[in-house]
N, C-alpha and C. Protein backbone atom coordinates (compact mmCIF):
# COMPACT_ATOMS: atom_id res chain seq x y z
N MET A 1 30.80 -58.82 64.74
CA MET A 1 29.39 -58.71 63.65
C MET A 1 30.14 -59.40 62.66
N SER A 2 29.08 -59.95 61.84
CA SER A 2 29.66 -60.81 60.63
C SER A 2 29.19 -59.90 59.24
N LYS A 3 30.21 -60.03 58.46
CA LYS A 3 30.03 -59.32 57.49
C LYS A 3 29.76 -60.37 56.16
N THR A 4 28.43 -59.80 55.34
CA THR A 4 28.15 -60.93 54.18
C THR A 4 28.89 -60.19 52.91
N VAL A 5 29.67 -60.66 51.98
CA VAL A 5 30.25 -60.65 50.67
C VAL A 5 28.99 -60.81 49.74
N THR A 6 28.63 -59.89 49.04
CA THR A 6 27.66 -60.22 47.66
C THR A 6 28.57 -60.18 46.58
N ASN A 7 28.39 -61.22 45.62
CA ASN A 7 29.36 -61.30 44.13
C ASN A 7 28.27 -60.77 43.05
N HIS A 8 28.33 -59.69 43.00
CA HIS A 8 27.49 -59.26 41.86
C HIS A 8 27.76 -59.50 40.41
N SER A 9 29.22 -59.96 40.47
CA SER A 9 29.53 -60.60 39.02
C SER A 9 28.81 -61.46 38.25
N PHE A 10 28.46 -62.25 38.95
CA PHE A 10 27.75 -63.59 38.07
C PHE A 10 26.45 -63.37 38.22
N PRO A 11 25.24 -63.16 37.24
CA PRO A 11 23.86 -63.08 37.31
C PRO A 11 23.32 -64.01 37.80
N GLY A 12 22.23 -63.69 38.72
CA GLY A 12 21.55 -65.16 39.93
C GLY A 12 20.35 -65.33 38.22
N PRO A 13 19.93 -66.42 38.54
CA PRO A 13 18.59 -66.74 37.96
C PRO A 13 17.77 -65.44 37.59
N THR A 14 17.54 -64.74 38.51
CA THR A 14 16.41 -63.96 38.27
C THR A 14 17.17 -62.98 37.31
N ARG A 15 18.12 -62.48 37.06
CA ARG A 15 18.56 -61.79 35.97
C ARG A 15 18.74 -62.28 34.58
N LEU A 16 19.19 -63.59 34.88
CA LEU A 16 19.03 -64.25 33.48
C LEU A 16 17.67 -64.33 32.97
N LYS A 17 17.01 -64.51 33.71
CA LYS A 17 15.37 -64.72 32.95
C LYS A 17 14.73 -62.98 32.43
N ARG A 18 15.11 -62.30 33.53
CA ARG A 18 14.90 -60.67 32.79
C ARG A 18 15.39 -60.40 31.83
N GLY A 19 17.09 -61.03 31.30
CA GLY A 19 17.26 -60.76 29.71
C GLY A 19 16.80 -61.58 28.71
N VAL A 20 16.01 -62.77 29.24
CA VAL A 20 15.58 -63.17 28.15
C VAL A 20 14.36 -62.73 27.55
N GLY A 21 13.58 -62.23 29.18
CA GLY A 21 12.39 -61.77 28.67
C GLY A 21 12.50 -60.68 27.91
N ALA A 22 13.71 -60.00 27.97
CA ALA A 22 13.32 -58.31 27.44
C ALA A 22 13.40 -58.55 25.82
N ARG A 23 14.76 -59.64 25.75
CA ARG A 23 15.02 -60.01 24.11
C ARG A 23 13.59 -60.24 23.64
N PHE A 24 13.09 -61.22 24.63
CA PHE A 24 11.54 -61.66 23.82
C PHE A 24 10.84 -60.47 23.44
N THR A 25 10.75 -59.45 24.34
CA THR A 25 10.15 -58.98 24.35
C THR A 25 10.24 -57.95 23.00
N VAL A 26 11.47 -57.54 22.65
CA VAL A 26 12.10 -56.43 22.04
C VAL A 26 11.78 -57.60 20.62
N SER A 27 11.98 -58.76 20.33
CA SER A 27 11.69 -59.45 19.18
C SER A 27 10.42 -59.65 18.77
N SER A 28 9.29 -59.83 19.91
CA SER A 28 7.92 -59.57 19.75
C SER A 28 7.63 -58.37 19.25
N LEU A 29 8.21 -57.25 19.90
CA LEU A 29 7.80 -55.80 18.93
C LEU A 29 8.12 -55.52 17.60
N LEU A 30 9.41 -56.08 17.62
CA LEU A 30 9.79 -56.15 16.19
C LEU A 30 9.01 -56.96 15.03
N LEU A 31 8.50 -57.95 15.72
CA LEU A 31 7.73 -58.70 14.43
C LEU A 31 6.50 -58.29 14.41
N ALA A 32 5.58 -57.50 15.29
CA ALA A 32 4.75 -57.06 15.33
C ALA A 32 4.49 -55.83 14.55
N TRP A 33 5.75 -54.97 14.54
CA TRP A 33 5.77 -53.87 13.73
C TRP A 33 6.00 -53.78 12.66
N LEU A 34 6.65 -55.31 12.41
CA LEU A 34 7.12 -55.77 10.71
C LEU A 34 5.78 -56.20 10.21
N LEU A 35 5.02 -56.83 10.88
CA LEU A 35 3.53 -57.29 10.00
C LEU A 35 2.28 -56.12 10.02
N ALA A 36 2.60 -55.23 11.15
CA ALA A 36 1.62 -54.10 10.98
C ALA A 36 2.22 -53.14 9.91
N SER A 37 3.19 -53.14 9.99
CA SER A 37 3.76 -52.12 8.67
C SER A 37 3.28 -52.88 6.80
N VAL A 38 3.22 -53.93 7.00
CA VAL A 38 3.25 -54.76 5.61
C VAL A 38 1.74 -54.78 5.62
N LEU A 39 0.64 -54.61 6.43
CA LEU A 39 -0.53 -54.28 6.30
C LEU A 39 -0.93 -53.08 6.15
N VAL A 40 -0.45 -52.32 6.77
CA VAL A 40 -0.50 -50.85 7.02
C VAL A 40 -0.52 -50.59 5.02
N HIS A 41 0.69 -51.08 4.49
CA HIS A 41 1.00 -51.34 3.09
C HIS A 41 0.34 -52.28 2.41
N ARG A 42 -0.46 -52.83 2.37
CA ARG A 42 -0.82 -53.87 1.84
C ARG A 42 -1.29 -53.88 0.46
N LEU A 43 -1.67 -53.14 0.21
CA LEU A 43 -1.86 -52.59 -1.55
C LEU A 43 -0.67 -52.10 -2.54
N PRO A 44 -0.71 -53.08 -3.65
CA PRO A 44 0.24 -52.63 -4.41
C PRO A 44 0.41 -51.40 -4.57
N HIS A 45 1.58 -51.00 -5.26
CA HIS A 45 1.41 -49.38 -5.79
C HIS A 45 0.76 -49.34 -7.00
N GLU A 46 0.29 -48.23 -7.04
CA GLU A 46 -0.51 -47.66 -8.25
C GLU A 46 0.14 -48.32 -9.63
N ALA A 47 -0.56 -49.08 -10.38
CA ALA A 47 -0.07 -49.19 -11.85
C ALA A 47 -0.93 -48.43 -12.75
N LEU A 48 0.47 -47.40 -13.47
CA LEU A 48 -0.08 -46.32 -13.79
C LEU A 48 -0.03 -46.56 -15.66
N ASP A 49 -0.87 -46.02 -16.13
CA ASP A 49 -1.29 -45.93 -17.66
C ASP A 49 0.05 -45.89 -18.60
N ARG A 50 1.07 -45.00 -18.25
CA ARG A 50 1.94 -44.76 -18.90
C ARG A 50 3.25 -45.48 -18.40
N ALA A 51 3.02 -46.63 -17.81
CA ALA A 51 4.22 -47.49 -17.46
C ALA A 51 5.04 -48.00 -18.52
N GLY A 52 4.20 -48.57 -19.82
CA GLY A 52 5.19 -48.85 -21.02
C GLY A 52 5.45 -47.88 -22.15
N ALA A 53 5.24 -46.68 -21.83
CA ALA A 53 5.57 -45.57 -22.52
C ALA A 53 7.25 -45.37 -22.54
N PRO A 54 7.37 -45.20 -23.90
CA PRO A 54 8.92 -44.92 -23.88
C PRO A 54 9.44 -43.56 -23.40
N LEU A 55 10.72 -43.17 -22.66
CA LEU A 55 10.86 -42.02 -22.18
C LEU A 55 11.49 -41.13 -23.04
N LEU A 56 10.86 -39.86 -23.05
CA LEU A 56 11.13 -38.54 -23.76
C LEU A 56 10.47 -38.69 -25.08
N LEU A 57 9.26 -39.27 -24.92
CA LEU A 57 8.55 -39.67 -26.46
C LEU A 57 8.51 -38.21 -27.08
N GLY A 58 9.16 -38.12 -28.44
CA GLY A 58 9.35 -36.67 -29.21
C GLY A 58 10.42 -36.05 -29.08
N ALA A 59 11.21 -36.56 -28.35
CA ALA A 59 12.60 -35.79 -28.12
C ALA A 59 13.26 -36.69 -29.12
N ASP A 60 14.21 -36.15 -29.58
CA ASP A 60 15.42 -36.55 -30.38
C ASP A 60 16.86 -36.47 -29.36
N ILE A 61 16.90 -37.96 -28.87
CA ILE A 61 17.57 -38.20 -27.85
C ILE A 61 18.83 -39.39 -28.23
N PRO A 62 19.90 -39.40 -28.52
CA PRO A 62 20.94 -40.36 -28.67
C PRO A 62 20.80 -41.41 -27.76
N PRO A 63 20.92 -42.69 -27.90
CA PRO A 63 20.80 -43.94 -27.25
C PRO A 63 21.76 -43.79 -25.73
N SER A 64 22.86 -43.33 -25.99
CA SER A 64 23.74 -43.15 -24.72
C SER A 64 22.87 -42.08 -23.84
N VAL A 65 22.30 -40.99 -24.39
CA VAL A 65 21.78 -40.33 -23.22
C VAL A 65 20.45 -40.97 -22.76
N ALA A 66 19.95 -41.47 -23.51
CA ALA A 66 18.75 -42.17 -23.41
C ALA A 66 18.85 -43.26 -21.99
N ASP A 67 20.07 -44.18 -22.37
CA ASP A 67 20.96 -45.09 -21.15
C ASP A 67 20.78 -44.32 -20.07
N VAL A 68 21.94 -43.01 -19.85
CA VAL A 68 21.40 -42.56 -18.82
C VAL A 68 20.30 -42.61 -17.81
N PHE A 69 19.52 -41.68 -18.92
CA PHE A 69 18.16 -41.58 -18.40
C PHE A 69 17.51 -43.15 -17.38
N ALA A 70 17.53 -43.97 -18.35
CA ALA A 70 16.97 -45.13 -17.74
C ALA A 70 17.75 -45.90 -16.69
N ARG A 71 18.80 -45.52 -16.35
CA ARG A 71 19.74 -46.17 -15.55
C ARG A 71 19.70 -45.32 -14.41
N ALA A 72 19.72 -44.02 -14.22
CA ALA A 72 19.64 -42.59 -13.35
C ALA A 72 18.85 -42.04 -13.06
N CYS A 73 17.48 -42.39 -13.77
CA CYS A 73 16.06 -41.07 -13.28
C CYS A 73 14.92 -41.95 -13.24
N ILE A 74 14.66 -42.83 -14.08
CA ILE A 74 13.53 -43.72 -14.50
C ILE A 74 12.84 -43.81 -12.95
N ASN A 75 13.67 -44.25 -11.77
CA ASN A 75 12.71 -44.77 -10.82
C ASN A 75 11.83 -43.51 -10.30
N CYS A 76 12.46 -42.03 -10.11
CA CYS A 76 11.91 -41.25 -9.04
C CYS A 76 11.14 -39.89 -10.80
N HIS A 77 11.36 -40.05 -11.90
CA HIS A 77 11.34 -39.22 -12.62
C HIS A 77 10.34 -39.96 -13.98
N SER A 78 9.35 -40.91 -13.49
CA SER A 78 8.91 -41.66 -14.68
C SER A 78 8.06 -42.44 -14.28
N GLU A 79 7.07 -43.42 -14.97
CA GLU A 79 6.19 -43.98 -14.57
C GLU A 79 6.38 -45.84 -14.56
N LYS A 80 7.92 -45.86 -15.04
CA LYS A 80 8.31 -47.15 -14.98
C LYS A 80 9.18 -47.44 -13.82
N THR A 81 8.60 -46.67 -12.21
CA THR A 81 9.32 -47.13 -11.27
C THR A 81 9.32 -48.46 -10.99
N ARG A 82 10.97 -49.23 -10.57
CA ARG A 82 11.03 -50.22 -10.03
C ARG A 82 10.99 -50.21 -8.33
N TRP A 83 9.80 -50.77 -8.12
CA TRP A 83 9.63 -50.50 -6.44
C TRP A 83 10.58 -51.79 -5.79
N PRO A 84 11.64 -51.30 -4.76
CA PRO A 84 12.06 -52.35 -3.79
C PRO A 84 11.17 -52.76 -2.85
N TRP A 85 11.61 -54.17 -2.22
CA TRP A 85 10.94 -54.59 -1.44
C TRP A 85 10.22 -53.78 -0.30
N TYR A 86 11.40 -53.07 0.17
CA TYR A 86 11.07 -52.09 1.45
C TYR A 86 10.25 -50.85 1.11
N SER A 87 9.64 -50.63 0.13
CA SER A 87 9.04 -49.79 -0.62
C SER A 87 7.51 -50.46 -0.03
N HIS A 88 7.18 -50.91 0.30
CA HIS A 88 6.02 -51.89 1.03
C HIS A 88 5.90 -52.08 2.29
N VAL A 89 6.96 -51.44 3.16
CA VAL A 89 6.86 -51.42 4.56
C VAL A 89 6.77 -50.19 4.69
N ALA A 90 5.84 -49.63 5.69
CA ALA A 90 5.59 -48.42 6.29
C ALA A 90 6.66 -48.64 7.59
N PRO A 91 7.08 -47.04 7.71
CA PRO A 91 6.78 -46.10 7.36
C PRO A 91 7.82 -45.54 6.03
N VAL A 92 8.95 -46.43 5.93
CA VAL A 92 9.55 -46.31 4.88
C VAL A 92 9.10 -46.16 3.47
N SER A 93 8.10 -46.99 3.49
CA SER A 93 7.24 -47.00 2.17
C SER A 93 6.62 -45.34 1.88
N TRP A 94 6.14 -44.51 2.95
CA TRP A 94 5.88 -43.25 2.95
C TRP A 94 6.56 -42.57 2.34
N LEU A 95 7.93 -42.64 3.05
CA LEU A 95 9.35 -41.54 2.64
C LEU A 95 9.16 -42.08 0.88
N ILE A 96 9.54 -43.13 0.46
CA ILE A 96 10.00 -43.14 -0.80
C ILE A 96 8.55 -43.00 -1.97
N GLU A 97 7.55 -43.29 -1.46
CA GLU A 97 6.34 -42.68 -2.45
C GLU A 97 6.23 -41.16 -2.21
N ASN A 98 6.39 -40.82 -1.19
CA ASN A 98 6.37 -39.20 -1.35
C ASN A 98 8.13 -38.51 -2.46
N ASP A 99 8.89 -39.31 -1.99
CA ASP A 99 10.07 -38.72 -3.19
C ASP A 99 9.44 -38.73 -4.67
N VAL A 100 9.14 -40.24 -4.87
CA VAL A 100 8.57 -40.62 -6.15
C VAL A 100 7.68 -39.51 -6.43
N LYS A 101 6.80 -39.26 -5.74
CA LYS A 101 5.78 -38.15 -6.21
C LYS A 101 6.09 -36.95 -6.59
N ARG A 102 6.93 -36.65 -5.67
CA ARG A 102 7.74 -35.30 -5.99
C ARG A 102 8.42 -35.09 -7.30
N GLY A 103 9.35 -36.46 -7.45
CA GLY A 103 9.99 -36.30 -8.59
C GLY A 103 9.38 -36.36 -9.85
N ARG A 104 8.08 -36.94 -10.03
CA ARG A 104 7.20 -36.92 -10.99
C ARG A 104 6.68 -35.66 -11.18
N GLU A 105 6.33 -34.91 -10.13
CA GLU A 105 5.39 -33.64 -10.28
C GLU A 105 6.65 -32.55 -11.01
N HIS A 106 7.93 -32.72 -10.80
CA HIS A 106 9.16 -31.79 -10.93
C HIS A 106 9.08 -32.55 -12.61
N LEU A 107 9.30 -33.39 -12.91
CA LEU A 107 9.92 -34.12 -14.41
C LEU A 107 9.56 -35.62 -14.57
N ASN A 108 8.56 -35.62 -15.27
CA ASN A 108 8.04 -37.07 -15.57
C ASN A 108 8.39 -37.39 -17.21
N LEU A 109 9.28 -38.26 -17.20
CA LEU A 109 9.85 -38.49 -18.18
C LEU A 109 8.98 -39.62 -19.16
N SER A 110 7.93 -39.79 -18.82
CA SER A 110 6.61 -41.00 -19.56
C SER A 110 5.93 -39.79 -20.07
N ARG A 111 5.78 -38.58 -19.52
CA ARG A 111 4.99 -37.60 -20.10
C ARG A 111 5.32 -36.36 -21.28
N TRP A 112 6.57 -36.80 -21.34
CA TRP A 112 7.33 -35.82 -22.09
C TRP A 112 6.31 -35.41 -23.44
N GLU A 113 5.80 -35.93 -24.30
CA GLU A 113 5.16 -35.42 -25.30
C GLU A 113 3.85 -34.65 -24.94
N SER A 114 3.43 -34.84 -23.70
CA SER A 114 2.09 -33.92 -23.59
C SER A 114 2.51 -32.49 -23.03
N LEU A 115 3.75 -32.31 -22.90
CA LEU A 115 4.30 -30.69 -22.69
C LEU A 115 4.58 -30.14 -23.94
N ASP A 116 4.07 -28.83 -23.42
CA ASP A 116 4.25 -28.09 -24.94
C ASP A 116 5.80 -27.59 -25.06
N ALA A 117 6.64 -26.86 -26.08
CA ALA A 117 7.83 -26.87 -26.42
C ALA A 117 8.36 -25.83 -25.64
N THR A 118 7.61 -25.02 -25.33
CA THR A 118 8.18 -24.07 -24.02
C THR A 118 8.66 -24.69 -22.52
N LYS A 119 7.62 -25.37 -22.52
CA LYS A 119 7.44 -26.37 -21.07
C LYS A 119 8.57 -27.34 -21.49
N GLN A 120 8.96 -27.92 -22.14
CA GLN A 120 9.88 -29.08 -22.33
C GLN A 120 11.20 -28.00 -22.25
N ARG A 121 11.67 -26.85 -22.97
CA ARG A 121 12.56 -25.99 -23.09
C ARG A 121 12.99 -25.40 -21.56
N LEU A 122 11.89 -25.31 -20.58
CA LEU A 122 12.17 -24.91 -19.40
C LEU A 122 13.05 -25.97 -18.49
N LEU A 123 12.22 -27.41 -18.67
CA LEU A 123 12.62 -28.26 -18.14
C LEU A 123 13.85 -28.94 -18.45
N LEU A 124 14.63 -28.81 -20.23
CA LEU A 124 15.76 -28.89 -20.34
C LEU A 124 16.70 -28.14 -19.58
N THR A 125 16.49 -27.06 -19.51
CA THR A 125 17.43 -26.00 -18.52
C THR A 125 17.52 -26.58 -17.21
N ALA A 126 16.49 -26.99 -16.70
CA ALA A 126 16.40 -27.36 -15.32
C ALA A 126 17.38 -28.57 -14.85
N ILE A 127 17.04 -29.52 -16.10
CA ILE A 127 17.74 -30.66 -15.94
C ILE A 127 19.47 -30.73 -16.14
N ALA A 128 19.65 -29.68 -16.86
CA ALA A 128 20.87 -29.17 -17.04
C ALA A 128 21.89 -28.59 -15.64
N THR A 129 20.80 -27.52 -15.32
CA THR A 129 21.36 -27.09 -14.18
C THR A 129 21.70 -28.04 -12.97
N VAL A 130 20.40 -29.16 -12.39
CA VAL A 130 20.87 -29.83 -11.48
C VAL A 130 21.80 -30.73 -11.39
N ILE A 131 22.23 -30.82 -12.94
CA ILE A 131 23.12 -32.26 -13.07
C ILE A 131 24.80 -31.50 -13.09
N GLU A 132 24.29 -30.15 -13.63
CA GLU A 132 25.78 -29.71 -13.42
C GLU A 132 26.16 -29.34 -11.97
N ASN A 133 25.19 -28.68 -11.49
CA ASN A 133 25.39 -28.63 -9.96
C ASN A 133 25.26 -29.94 -8.71
N ARG A 134 25.26 -31.18 -9.45
CA ARG A 134 25.78 -32.50 -8.75
C ARG A 134 24.03 -32.50 -7.58
N GLU A 135 23.05 -31.73 -7.97
CA GLU A 135 21.86 -31.95 -7.44
C GLU A 135 21.26 -33.07 -7.68
N MET A 136 21.23 -33.78 -8.59
CA MET A 136 20.58 -35.26 -9.02
C MET A 136 21.80 -35.94 -9.53
N PRO A 137 21.38 -37.31 -9.32
CA PRO A 137 20.47 -38.03 -8.31
C PRO A 137 21.04 -37.38 -6.64
N LEU A 138 19.84 -37.39 -6.05
CA LEU A 138 19.92 -36.99 -4.22
C LEU A 138 20.92 -37.60 -4.15
N HIS A 139 21.33 -37.06 -2.98
CA HIS A 139 22.49 -37.81 -2.39
C HIS A 139 22.12 -39.13 -1.51
N ARG A 140 20.77 -38.77 -0.91
CA ARG A 140 20.51 -39.82 -0.11
C ARG A 140 20.05 -41.43 -1.09
N TYR A 141 19.71 -41.12 -2.43
CA TYR A 141 19.41 -42.06 -3.14
C TYR A 141 20.71 -42.57 -3.48
N LEU A 142 21.37 -41.97 -3.58
CA LEU A 142 23.06 -42.66 -3.76
C LEU A 142 23.68 -43.52 -2.92
N VAL A 143 23.05 -43.37 -1.76
CA VAL A 143 23.51 -44.37 -0.76
C VAL A 143 23.14 -45.72 -0.80
N PHE A 144 21.93 -45.60 -1.36
CA PHE A 144 21.37 -47.07 -1.21
C PHE A 144 21.25 -47.59 -2.89
N TYR A 145 21.69 -46.46 -3.91
CA TYR A 145 22.00 -47.27 -5.46
C TYR A 145 22.86 -46.29 -5.82
N PRO A 146 24.09 -46.64 -5.35
CA PRO A 146 25.47 -46.15 -6.02
C PRO A 146 25.68 -46.28 -7.52
N GLU A 147 24.91 -47.26 -7.97
CA GLU A 147 25.03 -47.36 -9.36
C GLU A 147 24.41 -46.23 -10.15
N VAL A 148 23.51 -45.64 -9.75
CA VAL A 148 23.27 -44.59 -10.53
C VAL A 148 23.96 -43.32 -10.57
N LYS A 149 24.84 -43.14 -9.94
CA LYS A 149 25.64 -41.75 -10.09
C LYS A 149 26.05 -41.47 -11.27
N LEU A 150 26.35 -40.31 -11.85
CA LEU A 150 26.39 -39.86 -12.80
C LEU A 150 28.06 -39.82 -13.04
N SER A 151 28.51 -40.35 -13.76
CA SER A 151 30.06 -40.00 -14.28
C SER A 151 30.19 -38.42 -15.01
N THR A 152 31.41 -38.22 -14.97
CA THR A 152 31.42 -37.14 -15.60
C THR A 152 31.27 -36.87 -17.11
N ASP A 153 31.37 -38.10 -17.78
CA ASP A 153 30.81 -38.41 -18.90
C ASP A 153 29.41 -38.25 -19.10
N ASP A 154 28.56 -39.07 -18.20
CA ASP A 154 27.44 -39.09 -18.04
C ASP A 154 27.05 -37.59 -18.42
N SER A 155 27.20 -36.74 -17.12
CA SER A 155 26.77 -35.68 -16.95
C SER A 155 27.33 -34.93 -18.26
N VAL A 156 28.16 -34.93 -18.87
CA VAL A 156 28.39 -33.66 -20.10
C VAL A 156 27.66 -34.28 -21.13
N ARG A 157 27.36 -35.57 -21.65
CA ARG A 157 26.53 -35.90 -22.71
C ARG A 157 25.02 -35.43 -22.17
N VAL A 158 24.35 -35.55 -21.16
CA VAL A 158 23.30 -34.98 -20.82
C VAL A 158 23.23 -33.55 -21.10
N ILE A 159 24.30 -32.74 -20.46
CA ILE A 159 24.19 -31.46 -20.71
C ILE A 159 24.19 -31.09 -21.87
N GLU A 160 24.95 -31.67 -22.84
CA GLU A 160 25.43 -31.42 -23.98
C GLU A 160 24.09 -31.47 -24.94
N TRP A 161 23.44 -32.46 -24.33
CA TRP A 161 21.99 -33.13 -25.19
C TRP A 161 20.96 -31.92 -24.60
N THR A 162 21.01 -31.52 -23.63
CA THR A 162 19.91 -30.57 -23.39
C THR A 162 20.13 -29.26 -24.09
N GLN A 163 21.46 -29.22 -24.07
CA GLN A 163 21.45 -27.74 -24.93
C GLN A 163 21.52 -27.95 -26.29
N ALA A 164 21.52 -29.26 -27.34
CA ALA A 164 21.19 -29.36 -28.41
C ALA A 164 19.35 -29.50 -28.69
N GLU A 165 18.80 -30.23 -27.90
CA GLU A 165 17.18 -30.06 -27.56
C GLU A 165 16.54 -29.05 -27.65
N ARG A 166 17.36 -28.04 -26.78
CA ARG A 166 16.61 -26.57 -26.60
C ARG A 166 16.60 -26.02 -27.68
N ARG A 167 18.13 -26.08 -28.65
CA ARG A 167 18.13 -25.46 -29.83
C ARG A 167 17.18 -26.11 -31.16
N ARG A 168 16.76 -26.93 -31.06
CA ARG A 168 15.99 -27.98 -32.25
C ARG A 168 14.44 -27.40 -31.73
N LEU A 169 14.42 -27.63 -30.41
CA LEU A 169 12.87 -26.91 -30.01
C LEU A 169 12.73 -25.72 -30.46
N ARG A 170 13.60 -24.54 -30.29
CA ARG A 170 13.30 -23.50 -30.52
C ARG A 170 13.09 -23.33 -32.15
N PHE A 171 14.36 -23.80 -32.82
CA PHE A 171 14.02 -23.80 -34.16
C PHE A 171 12.76 -24.19 -34.46
N SER A 172 12.40 -25.54 -33.95
CA SER A 172 11.03 -26.16 -35.05
C SER A 172 9.70 -25.42 -34.41
N GLY A 173 9.94 -24.84 -33.37
CA GLY A 173 8.93 -23.70 -32.84
C GLY A 173 8.56 -22.46 -33.69
N SER A 174 9.94 -22.20 -34.17
CA SER A 174 10.11 -20.96 -35.16
C SER A 174 9.74 -20.87 -36.65
N ARG A 175 9.41 -22.48 -37.07
CA ARG A 175 9.31 -22.77 -38.54
C ARG A 175 7.44 -23.04 -38.25
N LEU A 176 6.86 -23.07 -37.36
CA LEU A 176 5.48 -23.46 -37.58
C LEU A 176 4.74 -22.14 -38.01
N PRO A 177 3.84 -22.51 -39.13
CA PRO A 177 3.09 -21.78 -39.47
C PRO A 177 2.14 -20.92 -38.50
N ALA A 178 1.73 -19.46 -38.62
CA ALA A 178 1.46 -18.47 -38.07
C ALA A 178 -0.09 -18.91 -37.80
N LYS A 179 -1.06 -18.75 -36.97
CA LYS A 179 -2.51 -19.11 -37.43
C LYS A 179 -3.11 -17.98 -37.29
C-alpha cells in the first residue's frame, strides 16, 4: 500500500482565489453600506431659526462661564450644533441626532429668553446638579471629544454662576409690580 502525503500548509490556487474573493466581497459590501447610508441621510441637518442667537440671552453671565457653555454644551444643548462628517452617515447619524434632540428638549441655551423665571431657576438647579455629579458632558461624548471635559475650575465657575443667577432671578421676580 502506498501512502499519499498531503501538505496543507501551503494554500493551493483554489484557496488563494477564495481568500481574494472573500476580501473583494467584504470590500464591496462595505462600500455599498457606506453609499447606502449616505443616501439614506442625504438631506442636510435642519437649519434652525435660532442658530445665530446668543446663548443664554437675558441671563447675567460672565464671559468665563459663557466660554464654558460655548465649548462644552452648545453641540447638544443649543441650535448652534456643529455636525461632524459622520453625523451624515446612517446609522451613526440616527444616534447623534437623537442625542441632540433629547439634549435640546432638556435644555436649549438658544431659547433661554423664552422661558419664564421659574423654569429658568429650575434649569439652573439642574445644570448645577448634573455638573456637580459629573453627569455632563456625557461620558460617551467625552470619548470622541475629550476637549469638552470640564475642569474643576470650569465646574466651580458654572455652579457658582447658577447660584448667583438663581438669586438674581428670585430677586428680580419679587420686585415685579402686582397685577
